Amino acid sequence: MRAALESYFQFRELGTNWRTEALAGCTTFVTMAYIIFVNPSILAQAGMPPEAVTAATCLASAIGCFLMGGLARYPIALAPGMGLNAYFTYTVCQGLGVPWQTALGAVFLSGLIFLALIAAGIRQLILESIPRELYSAVAVGIGLFIAMIGLRNAGIITASPATMVTLGNLRDPKTLLALGGLLLICALLVRGVRGAMLIGILALNLGLLEIIFVFLFVDVFDNVGTLVAVGTRAGLIDAQGRIPRVNRILASAATASSVGAVCGTSTVVSYIESAAGVVAGGRSGVTAIVCGLLFLAALVVAPLFGAIPAQATAPALIVVGALMLVHTEEIEWTNPAASIPAFLTLAAIPMTFSIANGLAFGFTAHTLLRVLAGQWRRVHWMVYLLTALFLLRFFWLGEG
């Protein structure tokens, strides 16, 4: 049985083993365990019972991880998405006055449409139409995004009304704790110690149609962006930019969204924190399955995970973000047609707190520059369609 499982998860081809995968799964989980408590606190403001949402968050996350790990065999974890849960509560329920039960129905339908797009081959066309330079730019942009979240959670940077962001209070004990953890993780990585991330953490303790469209839009492009970034970092994308078992990956994410709605939570998406597990050595679906098992365990021992402060996981996020900047070398910086869309993508992701927004800027810039250069015939028709949808989102929905 063990040999069969190792063959199914391609341990030999990926150069991994059970210990490494388990460690990577634990690393991914502790960097995203905050969702167990943050998600209920946000959805409770929509009128949903927080205890039930906590259970739904753990259950939906576990199912999503099992689907991604067992069916698609990728080290990508899923959970209710930050940003989409805020849109669910503040825009749909509070702003439009839609009952949370109806909003969950919209999430369920968006998941079904997601599956229909996969069956029709549209999602594959989207992936194939992404300009090559944007693959690397998304990875770098998400790296900056992760690092920015880590720096904020650590208290190293903080909001400023004058400059938007400024240096935090480095004398704060929690910030000093995070800085100590950052130094420890970096030292362990330099010395080649496996499990450096985990050791560093544990040392430290509009109408219905419009609503469905927004849920679907952000779900689609956040998942695509995460898939591209994590797949690139893990070396799981071939030289032609093709992603093995891509339909299984996307079907897992789509199914998880509908299942999450049935469980009683907002849209389930691929989590960029999965990159922490990849950096820790995770390469197969076992990483995601281990993460899913921990989400199930969290149903019983959730208070223990709540004791892990944001300052403890912040150093890991900062280091992961730094390591993902290696993909800048894959961008043709001397070619403005490639470098400008790439820059706008990698800059917009952290500055707008949205992977979807970063892709929107990159696609739009790529299309406009090609047209202005007289190279409009070289632009894939799907790119024109997606650019139009991105512009529609910005100017009609006004969503950031």
Protein backbone atom coordinates (compact mmCIF):
# COMPACT_ATOMS: atom_id res chain seq x y z
CA MET A 1 0.00 0.00 0.00
CA ARG A 2 2.79 2.40 0.89
CA ALA A 3 4.55 1.77 -2.41
CA ALA A 4 1.28 2.26 -4.31
CA LEU A 5 0.65 5.59 -2.57
CA GLU A 6 4.19 6.79 -3.23
CA SER A 7 3.74 5.90 -6.88
CA TYR A 8 0.36 7.65 -7.09
CA PHE A 9 1.75 10.84 -5.55
CA GLN A 10 4.91 10.59 -7.68
CA PHE A 11 7.36 10.77 -4.78
CA ARG A 12 10.27 9.51 -6.90
CA GLU A 13 9.67 11.94 -9.77
CA LEU A 14 9.19 14.89 -7.42
CA GLY A 15 12.10 13.99 -5.15
CA THR A 16 10.08 13.99 -1.95
CA ASN A 17 9.17 11.70 0.96
CA TRP A 18 6.54 11.29 3.68
CA ARG A 19 8.44 13.26 6.31
CA THR A 20 9.01 16.23 4.03
CA GLU A 21 5.39 16.26 2.84
CA ALA A 22 4.02 16.05 6.40
CA LEU A 23 6.29 18.87 7.52
CA ALA A 24 5.24 20.99 4.54
CA GLY A 25 1.55 20.34 5.28
CA CYS A 26 2.01 21.46 8.88
CA THR A 27 3.88 24.57 7.73
CA THR A 28 1.12 25.52 5.29
CA PHE A 29 -1.54 24.97 7.94
CA VAL A 30 -0.01 27.11 10.66
CA THR A 31 0.51 30.00 8.23
CA MET A 32 -3.19 29.99 7.27
CA ALA A 33 -4.84 28.79 10.51
CA TYR A 34 -5.86 32.38 11.21
CA ILE A 35 -8.79 31.87 8.80
CA ILE A 36 -10.46 29.61 11.39
CA PHE A 37 -11.04 32.67 13.57
CA VAL A 38 -11.00 35.57 11.14
CA ASN A 39 -13.64 34.13 8.79
CA PRO A 40 -16.33 33.68 11.49
CA SER A 41 -15.64 37.16 12.88
CA ILE A 42 -16.30 38.67 9.43
CA LEU A 43 -19.30 36.53 8.45
CA ALA A 44 -20.91 37.02 11.88
CA GLN A 45 -21.43 40.66 10.85
CA ALA A 46 -23.66 39.35 8.06
CA GLY A 47 -25.86 37.74 10.70
CA MET A 48 -24.39 34.24 10.50
CA PRO A 49 -23.87 32.26 13.76
CA PRO A 50 -20.10 32.38 14.46
CA GLU A 51 -19.91 28.90 16.03
CA ALA A 52 -21.50 27.34 12.96
CA VAL A 53 -19.25 29.35 10.63
CA THR A 54 -16.16 28.14 12.55
CA ALA A 55 -17.21 24.54 11.98
CA ALA A 56 -18.08 25.27 8.34
CA THR A 57 -14.69 26.94 7.80
CA CYS A 58 -12.79 23.92 9.12
CA LEU A 59 -14.96 21.40 7.25
CA ALA A 60 -14.96 23.24 3.91
CA SER A 61 -11.20 23.82 4.13
CA ALA A 62 -10.56 20.15 4.88
CA ILE A 63 -12.71 18.98 1.96
CA GLY A 64 -11.04 21.44 -0.39
CA CYS A 65 -7.57 20.29 0.70
CA PHE A 66 -8.52 16.62 0.28
CA LEU A 67 -9.84 17.27 -3.23
CA MET A 68 -6.75 19.22 -4.25
CA GLY A 69 -4.35 16.75 -2.66
CA GLY A 70 -6.07 13.50 -3.54
CA LEU A 71 -7.56 14.29 -6.95
CA ALA A 72 -5.24 16.94 -8.39
CA ARG A 73 -2.17 15.85 -6.37
CA TYR A 74 -0.88 19.39 -5.86
CA PRO A 75 0.54 20.92 -2.64
CA ILE A 76 -2.06 23.69 -2.64
CA ALA A 77 -4.36 24.21 0.34
CA LEU A 78 -7.85 25.72 0.14
CA ALA A 79 -9.99 27.67 2.58
CA PRO A 80 -12.62 30.45 2.55
CA GLY A 81 -10.99 33.41 0.83
CA MET A 82 -10.10 36.66 2.54
CA GLY A 83 -11.54 39.51 0.50
CA LEU A 84 -14.42 37.41 -0.79
CA ASN A 85 -15.70 36.97 2.77
CA ALA A 86 -15.51 40.75 3.21
CA TYR A 87 -17.38 41.28 -0.07
CA PHE A 88 -19.96 38.72 1.11
CA THR A 89 -20.55 40.58 4.39
CA TYR A 90 -20.06 44.27 3.75
CA THR A 91 -21.13 44.65 0.11
CA VAL A 92 -23.70 41.91 -0.46
CA CYS A 93 -25.34 41.47 2.95
CA GLN A 94 -24.89 44.87 4.58
CA GLY A 95 -24.63 47.11 1.52
CA LEU A 96 -27.27 45.49 -0.72
CA GLY A 97 -29.39 44.09 2.09
CA VAL A 98 -29.25 40.54 0.71
CA PRO A 99 -29.97 37.84 3.35
CA TRP A 100 -26.93 35.70 4.09
CA GLN A 101 -28.86 32.59 3.04
CA THR A 102 -29.37 34.09 -0.43
CA ALA A 103 -25.71 35.14 -0.60
CA LEU A 104 -24.66 31.55 0.14
CA GLY A 105 -26.88 30.48 -2.74
CA ALA A 106 -24.98 32.88 -5.01
CA VAL A 107 -21.68 31.36 -3.86
CA PHE A 108 -23.04 27.88 -4.61
CA LEU A 109 -24.14 28.92 -8.11
CA SER A 110 -20.77 30.57 -8.82
CA GLY A 111 -19.11 27.24 -8.02
CA LEU A 112 -21.38 25.42 -10.45
CA ILE A 113 -20.66 27.99 -13.18
CA PHE A 114 -16.96 27.53 -12.40
CA LEU A 115 -17.37 23.79 -13.08
CA ALA A 116 -19.30 24.48 -16.27
CA LEU A 117 -16.47 26.70 -17.55
CA ILE A 118 -14.00 23.90 -16.88
CA ALA A 119 -16.18 21.39 -18.73
CA ALA A 120 -16.41 23.78 -21.68
CA GLY A 121 -12.63 24.16 -21.77
CA ILE A 122 -12.79 27.91 -21.08
CA ARG A 123 -10.56 27.75 -18.00
CA GLN A 124 -7.84 25.97 -19.96
CA LEU A 125 -8.03 28.69 -22.61
CA ILE A 126 -7.61 31.32 -19.89
CA LEU A 127 -4.48 29.62 -18.56
CA GLU A 128 -3.02 29.18 -22.03
CA SER A 129 -3.73 32.80 -22.97
CA ILE A 130 -1.82 34.30 -20.02
CA PRO A 131 1.26 36.02 -21.53
CA ARG A 132 4.44 34.18 -20.50
CA GLU A 133 5.96 37.18 -18.72
CA LEU A 134 2.89 37.45 -16.50
CA TYR A 135 3.46 33.95 -15.10
CA SER A 136 6.68 35.13 -13.48
CA ALA A 137 5.20 38.53 -12.59
CA VAL A 138 2.32 36.90 -10.72
CA ALA A 139 4.76 34.79 -8.72
CA VAL A 140 6.84 37.87 -7.83
CA GLY A 141 3.75 39.99 -7.10
CA ILE A 142 2.36 37.37 -4.76
CA GLY A 143 5.76 37.13 -3.12
CA LEU A 144 5.63 40.86 -2.42
CA PHE A 145 2.02 40.46 -1.28
CA ILE A 146 2.92 37.70 1.18
CA ALA A 147 5.91 39.64 2.48
CA MET A 148 3.76 42.75 2.95
CA ILE A 149 1.21 40.77 4.96
CA GLY A 150 4.01 39.33 7.05
CA LEU A 151 5.58 42.75 7.66
CA ARG A 152 2.16 44.12 8.68
CA ASN A 153 1.35 41.20 10.97
CA ALA A 154 4.77 41.51 12.57
CA GLY A 155 4.20 45.20 13.27
CA ILE A 156 7.30 46.11 11.26
CA ILE A 157 5.16 48.30 9.01
CA THR A 158 1.92 50.03 9.91
CA ALA A 159 -0.70 52.26 8.31
CA SER A 160 -0.02 55.99 8.01
CA PRO A 161 -2.55 58.69 7.02
CA ALA A 162 0.26 60.75 5.50
CA THR A 163 2.29 58.16 3.59
CA MET A 164 -0.13 55.17 3.52
CA VAL A 165 2.50 52.96 5.14
CA THR A 166 5.36 53.64 7.56
CA LEU A 167 7.77 51.93 9.96
CA GLY A 168 6.09 50.36 12.98
CA ASN A 169 7.18 50.41 16.63
CA LEU A 170 10.28 48.21 16.64
CA ARG A 171 10.41 48.36 20.45
CA ASP A 172 7.04 46.62 20.78
CA PRO A 173 7.62 43.20 22.42
CA LYS A 174 5.45 41.44 19.80
CA THR A 175 7.41 43.06 16.97
CA LEU A 176 10.69 42.08 18.62
CA LEU A 177 9.34 38.53 18.85
CA ALA A 178 8.62 38.54 15.12
CA LEU A 179 12.06 39.97 14.31
CA GLY A 180 13.66 37.25 16.42
CA GLY A 181 11.64 34.63 14.54
CA LEU A 182 12.67 36.14 11.20
CA LEU A 183 16.33 35.97 12.18
CA LEU A 184 15.92 32.37 13.37
CA ILE A 185 14.22 31.21 10.15
CA CYS A 186 16.82 32.93 7.96
CA ALA A 187 19.66 31.39 9.99
CA LEU A 188 18.13 27.91 9.71
CA LEU A 189 17.57 28.32 5.95
CA VAL A 190 21.15 29.46 5.41
CA ARG A 191 22.34 26.37 7.28
CA GLY A 192 20.08 24.15 5.16
CA VAL A 193 17.90 22.97 8.05
CA ARG A 194 14.70 21.20 6.91
CA GLY A 195 11.59 22.50 8.66
CA ALA A 196 13.03 25.98 9.15
CA MET A 197 9.63 27.66 8.59
CA LEU A 198 7.77 25.46 11.06
CA ILE A 199 10.54 25.67 13.66
CA GLY A 200 10.54 29.45 13.37
CA ILE A 201 6.77 29.63 13.87
CA LEU A 202 6.67 27.22 16.86
CA ALA A 203 9.49 28.99 18.54
CA LEU A 204 7.34 31.85 18.88
CA ASN A 205 3.87 31.42 19.67
CA LEU A 206 -26.07 44.95 -7.28
CA GLY A 207 -28.64 42.21 -8.33
CA LEU A 208 -28.14 38.50 -7.92
CA LEU A 209 -26.40 38.19 -11.31
CA GLU A 210 -23.89 40.88 -10.40
CA ILE A 211 -23.22 39.18 -7.04
CA ILE A 212 -22.65 35.80 -8.71
CA PHE A 213 -20.38 37.44 -11.31
CA VAL A 214 -18.15 39.07 -8.68
CA PHE A 215 -17.88 35.84 -6.66
CA LEU A 216 -17.03 33.95 -9.87
CA PHE A 217 -14.64 36.61 -11.23
CA VAL A 218 -12.48 36.89 -8.12
CA ASP A 219 -12.65 33.13 -7.50
CA VAL A 220 -11.45 32.38 -11.05
CA PHE A 221 -8.52 34.77 -11.14
CA ASP A 222 -7.38 34.39 -7.55
CA ASN A 223 -7.26 30.61 -8.11
CA VAL A 224 -5.43 31.01 -11.42
CA GLY A 225 -2.95 33.45 -9.88
CA THR A 226 -2.26 31.19 -6.91
CA LEU A 227 -1.92 28.15 -9.14
CA VAL A 228 0.58 29.91 -11.39
CA ALA A 229 2.61 31.30 -8.48
CA VAL A 230 2.78 28.13 -6.38
CA GLY A 231 3.25 25.89 -9.43
CA THR A 232 6.10 28.08 -10.68
CA ARG A 233 7.77 28.12 -7.24
CA ALA A 234 7.47 24.33 -6.93
CA GLY A 235 8.77 23.71 -10.45
CA LEU A 236 5.53 21.97 -11.46
CA ILE A 237 4.99 23.97 -14.69
CA ASP A 238 6.80 22.82 -17.81
CA ALA A 239 8.89 24.96 -20.18
CA GLN A 240 5.86 25.62 -22.39
CA GLY A 241 3.87 26.93 -19.44
CA ARG A 242 1.60 23.88 -19.31
CA ILE A 243 0.28 22.67 -15.97
CA PRO A 244 -0.27 18.91 -15.59
CA ARG A 245 -3.76 17.83 -14.43
CA VAL A 246 -4.94 21.42 -14.68
CA ASN A 247 -8.61 20.42 -15.06
CA ARG A 248 -8.45 18.41 -11.83
CA ILE A 249 -6.91 21.37 -10.04
CA LEU A 250 -9.58 23.78 -11.22
CA ALA A 251 -12.40 21.27 -10.66
CA SER A 252 -11.20 20.78 -7.08
CA ALA A 253 -11.33 24.53 -6.45
CA ALA A 254 -14.74 24.86 -8.11
CA THR A 255 -16.22 21.96 -6.17
CA ALA A 256 -14.79 23.30 -2.92
CA SER A 257 -16.59 26.62 -3.50
CA SER A 258 -19.99 24.94 -3.85
CA VAL A 259 -19.29 22.56 -0.96
CA GLY A 260 -18.26 25.52 1.18
CA ALA A 261 -21.58 27.22 0.48
CA VAL A 262 -23.45 24.06 1.47
CA CYS A 263 -21.39 23.84 4.68
CA GLY A 264 -22.23 27.48 5.43
CA THR A 265 -19.28 29.67 4.49
CA SER A 266 -18.21 32.08 1.75
CA THR A 267 -16.21 31.17 -1.36
CA VAL A 268 -13.38 28.67 -0.87
CA VAL A 269 -10.20 29.49 -2.80
CA SER A 270 -6.62 28.32 -3.21
CA TYR A 271 -4.42 29.90 -0.54
CA ILE A 272 -1.19 31.62 -1.45
CA GLU A 273 0.15 30.60 1.98
CA SER A 274 0.61 27.20 0.29
CA ALA A 275 3.90 28.68 -0.93
CA ALA A 276 5.22 28.36 2.63
CA GLY A 277 4.72 24.59 2.43
CA VAL A 278 6.37 24.49 -0.98
CA VAL A 279 9.40 26.35 0.36
CA ALA A 280 9.47 23.79 3.20
CA GLY A 281 9.79 21.05 0.56
CA GLY A 282 6.20 20.10 -0.25
CA ARG A 283 5.76 18.91 -3.82
CA SER A 284 2.86 16.44 -3.87
CA GLY A 285 -0.79 16.28 -2.88
CA VAL A 286 0.19 14.77 0.46
CA THR A 287 1.07 18.28 1.64
CA ALA A 288 -2.51 19.43 1.01
CA ILE A 289 -3.98 16.28 2.57
CA VAL A 290 -1.97 16.78 5.76
CA CYS A 291 -3.21 20.37 5.88
CA GLY A 292 -6.77 19.08 5.45
CA LEU A 293 -6.35 16.63 8.33
CA LEU A 294 -5.20 19.48 10.55
CA PHE A 295 -8.29 21.49 9.60
CA LEU A 296 -10.42 18.52 10.71
CA ALA A 297 -8.47 18.36 13.96
CA ALA A 298 -9.11 22.07 14.42
CA LEU A 299 -12.83 21.31 14.76
CA VAL A 300 -11.99 19.88 18.17
CA VAL A 301 -8.96 21.88 19.24
CA ALA A 302 -9.59 25.23 17.54
CA PRO A 303 -8.68 27.26 20.68
CA LEU A 304 -5.12 25.87 20.53
CA PHE A 305 -4.60 27.24 17.04
CA GLY A 306 -6.10 30.53 18.15
CA ALA A 307 -3.20 30.84 20.58
CA ILE A 308 -0.72 31.18 17.70
CA PRO A 309 -0.29 34.97 17.30
CA ALA A 310 0.08 36.68 13.94
CA GLN A 311 3.58 37.76 14.98
CA ALA A 312 4.62 34.09 15.13
CA THR A 313 3.68 33.27 11.53
CA ALA A 314 4.71 36.68 10.11
CA PRO A 315 8.45 35.83 9.80
CA ALA A 316 7.64 32.76 7.69
CA LEU A 317 5.52 34.86 5.33
CA ILE A 318 8.28 37.46 4.97
CA VAL A 319 10.87 34.81 4.10
CA VAL A 320 8.53 33.05 1.66
CA GLY A 321 7.88 36.37 -0.06
CA ALA A 322 11.60 37.08 -0.31
CA LEU A 323 12.35 33.67 -1.82
CA MET A 324 9.65 34.11 -4.48
CA LEU A 325 11.42 37.17 -5.89
CA VAL A 326 13.81 34.80 -7.66
CA HIS A 327 11.32 34.74 -10.54
CA THR A 328 12.18 38.32 -11.48
CA GLU A 329 15.08 36.90 -13.51
CA GLU A 330 12.56 35.19 -15.82
CA ILE A 331 11.10 38.53 -16.96
CA GLU A 332 12.56 40.18 -20.07
CA TRP A 333 13.12 43.58 -18.44
CA THR A 334 14.79 45.13 -21.49
CA ASN A 335 11.65 44.61 -23.60
CA PRO A 336 9.01 47.24 -22.64
CA ALA A 337 6.19 45.17 -24.17
CA ALA A 338 6.98 42.44 -21.65
CA SER A 339 8.38 44.39 -18.70
CA ILE A 340 5.66 47.04 -18.33
CA PRO A 341 2.74 44.56 -18.05
CA ALA A 342 4.89 42.43 -15.75
CA PHE A 343 5.72 45.39 -13.50
CA LEU A 344 2.10 46.51 -13.30
CA THR A 345 1.08 42.97 -12.36
CA LEU A 346 3.65 42.48 -9.63
CA ALA A 347 3.10 45.99 -8.23
CA ALA A 348 -0.71 45.93 -8.27
CA ILE A 349 -1.07 42.62 -6.41
CA PRO A 350 0.35 43.85 -3.07
CA MET A 351 -0.77 47.47 -3.49
CA THR A 352 -4.42 46.59 -4.15
CA PHE A 353 -4.40 43.44 -1.96
CA SER A 354 -5.79 41.42 -4.86
CA ILE A 355 -4.33 38.83 -7.22
CA ALA A 356 -7.26 39.41 -9.57
CA ASN A 357 -6.49 43.13 -9.77
CA GLY A 358 -2.84 42.41 -10.57
CA LEU A 359 -3.81 40.15 -13.45
CA ALA A 360 -6.30 42.77 -14.63
CA PHE A 361 -3.61 45.44 -14.87
CA GLY A 362 -1.19 43.06 -16.56
CA PHE A 363 -3.66 41.78 -19.15
CA THR A 364 -4.89 45.26 -19.99
CA ALA A 365 -1.38 46.69 -20.37
CA HIS A 366 -0.28 43.71 -22.46
CA THR A 367 -3.22 44.11 -24.85
CA LEU A 368 -2.93 47.89 -25.22
CA LEU A 369 0.83 47.82 -25.80
CA ARG A 370 0.55 45.10 -28.43
CA VAL A 371 -2.19 47.02 -30.24
CA LEU A 372 -0.26 50.31 -30.09
CA ALA A 373 2.82 48.54 -31.44
CA GLY A 374 0.81 47.27 -34.41
CA GLN A 375 1.04 43.68 -33.17
CA TRP A 376 -2.68 43.21 -32.61
CA ARG A 377 -2.73 40.00 -34.68
CA ARG A 378 -0.34 38.38 -32.18
CA VAL A 379 -2.82 38.79 -29.31
CA HIS A 380 -4.92 35.71 -28.56
CA TRP A 381 -8.67 36.30 -28.89
CA MET A 382 -9.15 35.12 -25.30
CA VAL A 383 -6.80 37.89 -24.15
CA TYR A 384 -9.03 40.48 -25.87
CA LEU A 385 -12.09 38.98 -24.19
CA LEU A 386 -10.46 38.91 -20.76
CA THR A 387 -9.21 42.47 -21.14
CA ALA A 388 -12.76 43.57 -21.91
CA LEU A 389 -14.02 41.74 -18.82
CA PHE A 390 -11.33 43.33 -16.66
CA LEU A 391 -12.29 46.80 -17.91
CA LEU A 392 -15.95 45.97 -17.34
CA ARG A 393 -15.16 45.01 -13.78
CA PHE A 394 -13.27 48.22 -13.09
CA PHE A 395 -15.69 50.66 -14.69
CA TRP A 396 -19.06 48.97 -14.16
CA LEU A 397 -18.70 47.20 -10.85
CA GLY A 398 -16.10 49.53 -9.39
CA GLU A 399 -14.73 46.65 -7.35
CA GLY A 400 -11.20 46.85 -6.00
